[in-house]
């Protein structure tokens, strides 16, 4: 599943593949949930991609997916790590 693949990318910090998977998921009109999107934000944190992490938070809001503590903490950590 897309969620499992995105989770694997998060563990490996492979943000570029994660973004491709997320875009594929959205193209297929599959709706990611808060767990999947939080893994995306965490993946960006590990890849030191703070701008992408913040962009994903904005996308969550547009998708009407409520961010949770994991989402926000990962975004904050991404900004700290630069």
C-alpha atoms as a PDB file:
ATOM      1  CA  UNK A   1       0.000   0.000   0.000  1.00  0.00           C
ATOM      2  CA  UNK A   2       1.026   3.618  -0.411  1.00  0.00           C
ATOM      3  CA  UNK A   3       0.937   4.175   3.332  1.00  0.00           C
ATOM      4  CA  UNK A   4       3.353   1.310   3.981  1.00  0.00           C
ATOM      5  CA  UNK A   5       5.713   2.521   1.265  1.00  0.00           C
ATOM      6  CA  UNK A   6       5.616   6.073   2.626  1.00  0.00           C
ATOM      7  CA  UNK A   7       6.294   4.735   6.119  1.00  0.00           C
ATOM      8  CA  UNK A   8       9.344   2.900   4.774  1.00  0.00           C
ATOM      9  CA  UNK A   9      10.568   6.108   3.152  1.00  0.00           C
ATOM     10  CA  UNK A  10      10.108   7.918   6.451  1.00  0.00           C
ATOM     11  CA  UNK A  11      12.234   5.357   8.283  1.00  0.00           C
ATOM     12  CA  UNK A  12      14.956   5.698   5.637  1.00  0.00           C
ATOM     13  CA  UNK A  13      14.646   9.493   5.392  1.00  0.00           C
ATOM     14  CA  UNK A  14      14.071   9.208   1.641  1.00  0.00           C
ATOM     15  CA  UNK A  15      11.978  12.336   1.150  1.00  0.00           C
ATOM     16  CA  UNK A  16      12.258  12.488  -2.649  1.00  0.00           C
ATOM     17  CA  UNK A  17      10.697   9.040  -3.141  1.00  0.00           C
ATOM     18  CA  UNK A  18       8.127   9.822  -0.451  1.00  0.00           C
ATOM     19  CA  UNK A  19       6.991  12.902  -2.376  1.00  0.00           C
ATOM     20  CA  UNK A  20       6.627  10.866  -5.576  1.00  0.00           C
ATOM     21  CA  UNK A  21       4.547   8.272  -3.737  1.00  0.00           C
ATOM     22  CA  UNK A  22       2.353  10.954  -2.187  1.00  0.00           C
ATOM     23  CA  UNK A  23       1.762  12.583  -5.565  1.00  0.00           C
ATOM     24  CA  UNK A  24       0.912   9.189  -7.103  1.00  0.00           C
ATOM     25  CA  UNK A  25      -1.499   8.540  -4.255  1.00  0.00           C
ATOM     26  CA  UNK A  26      -3.245  11.873  -4.795  1.00  0.00           C
ATOM     27  CA  UNK A  27      -3.368  11.377  -8.575  1.00  0.00           C
ATOM     28  CA  UNK A  28      -5.205   8.124  -8.016  1.00  0.00           C
ATOM     29  CA  UNK A  29      -7.682  10.096  -5.884  1.00  0.00           C
ATOM     30  CA  UNK A  30      -6.701   8.200  -2.753  1.00  0.00           C
ATOM     31  CA  UNK A  31      -7.024  10.306   0.364  1.00  0.00           C
ATOM     32  CA  UNK A  32      -4.064  10.061   2.749  1.00  0.00           C
ATOM     33  CA  UNK A  33      -4.898  10.080   6.447  1.00  0.00           C
ATOM     34  CA  UNK A  34      -3.177  11.889   9.299  1.00  0.00           C
ATOM     35  CA  UNK A  35      -0.810   8.966   9.948  1.00  0.00           C
ATOM     36  CA  UNK A  36       0.395   8.886   6.338  1.00  0.00           C
ATOM     37  CA  UNK A  37       0.788  12.651   6.114  1.00  0.00           C
ATOM     38  CA  UNK A  38       2.552  12.808   9.474  1.00  0.00           C
ATOM     39  CA  UNK A  39       5.014  10.204   8.187  1.00  0.00           C
ATOM     40  CA  UNK A  40       5.589  12.481   5.199  1.00  0.00           C
ATOM     41  CA  UNK A  41       6.351  15.437   7.468  1.00  0.00           C
ATOM     42  CA  UNK A  42       8.664  13.252   9.592  1.00  0.00           C
ATOM     43  CA  UNK A  43      10.433  12.079   6.445  1.00  0.00           C
ATOM     44  CA  UNK A  44      11.099  15.687   5.484  1.00  0.00           C
ATOM     45  CA  UNK A  45      12.430  16.317   8.975  1.00  0.00           C
ATOM     46  CA  UNK A  46      14.933  13.471   8.625  1.00  0.00           C
ATOM     47  CA  UNK A  47      15.952  14.783   5.220  1.00  0.00           C
ATOM     48  CA  UNK A  48      16.437  18.309   6.612  1.00  0.00           C
ATOM     49  CA  UNK A  49      13.740  19.580   4.239  1.00  0.00           C
ATOM     50  CA  UNK A  50      12.027  22.066   6.536  1.00  0.00           C
ATOM     51  CA  UNK A  51      10.326  23.995   3.730  1.00  0.00           C
ATOM     52  CA  UNK A  52       8.752  20.811   2.417  1.00  0.00           C
ATOM     53  CA  UNK A  53       7.678  19.851   5.955  1.00  0.00           C
ATOM     54  CA  UNK A  54       5.874  23.172   6.355  1.00  0.00           C
ATOM     55  CA  UNK A  55       4.358  22.838   2.895  1.00  0.00           C
ATOM     56  CA  UNK A  56       2.965  19.443   3.877  1.00  0.00           C
ATOM     57  CA  UNK A  57       1.349  20.973   6.966  1.00  0.00           C
ATOM     58  CA  UNK A  58      -0.354  23.531   4.728  1.00  0.00           C
ATOM     59  CA  UNK A  59      -1.450  20.760   2.361  1.00  0.00           C
ATOM     60  CA  UNK A  60      -2.935  18.843   5.276  1.00  0.00           C
ATOM     61  CA  UNK A  61      -5.078  21.854   6.103  1.00  0.00           C
ATOM     62  CA  UNK A  62      -6.222  22.196   2.476  1.00  0.00           C
ATOM     63  CA  UNK A  63      -7.065  18.467   2.423  1.00  0.00           C
ATOM     64  CA  UNK A  64      -9.025  18.936   5.654  1.00  0.00           C
ATOM     65  CA  UNK A  65      -6.815  16.463   7.509  1.00  0.00           C
ATOM     66  CA  UNK A  66      -6.208  17.612  11.062  1.00  0.00           C
ATOM     67  CA  UNK A  67      -2.534  17.651  11.963  1.00  0.00           C
ATOM     68  CA  UNK A  68      -1.614  15.929  15.212  1.00  0.00           C
ATOM     69  CA  UNK A  69       1.246  16.139  17.696  1.00  0.00           C
ATOM     70  CA  UNK A  70       3.499  14.026  15.493  1.00  0.00           C
ATOM     71  CA  UNK A  71       2.885  16.319  12.520  1.00  0.00           C
ATOM     72  CA  UNK A  72       3.609  19.485  14.447  1.00  0.00           C
ATOM     73  CA  UNK A  73       6.596  18.107  16.357  1.00  0.00           C
ATOM     74  CA  UNK A  74       8.171  16.799  13.152  1.00  0.00           C
ATOM     75  CA  UNK A  75       7.682  20.167  11.449  1.00  0.00           C
ATOM     76  CA  UNK A  76       9.176  22.009  14.426  1.00  0.00           C
ATOM     77  CA  UNK A  77      12.145  19.625  14.499  1.00  0.00           C
ATOM     78  CA  UNK A  78      12.621  20.070  10.770  1.00  0.00           C
ATOM     79  CA  UNK A  79      12.843  23.834  11.255  1.00  0.00           C
ATOM     80  CA  UNK A  80      15.304  23.399  14.129  1.00  0.00           C
ATOM     81  CA  UNK A  81      17.516  21.118  12.065  1.00  0.00           C
ATOM     82  CA  UNK A  82      17.386  23.419   9.062  1.00  0.00           C
END
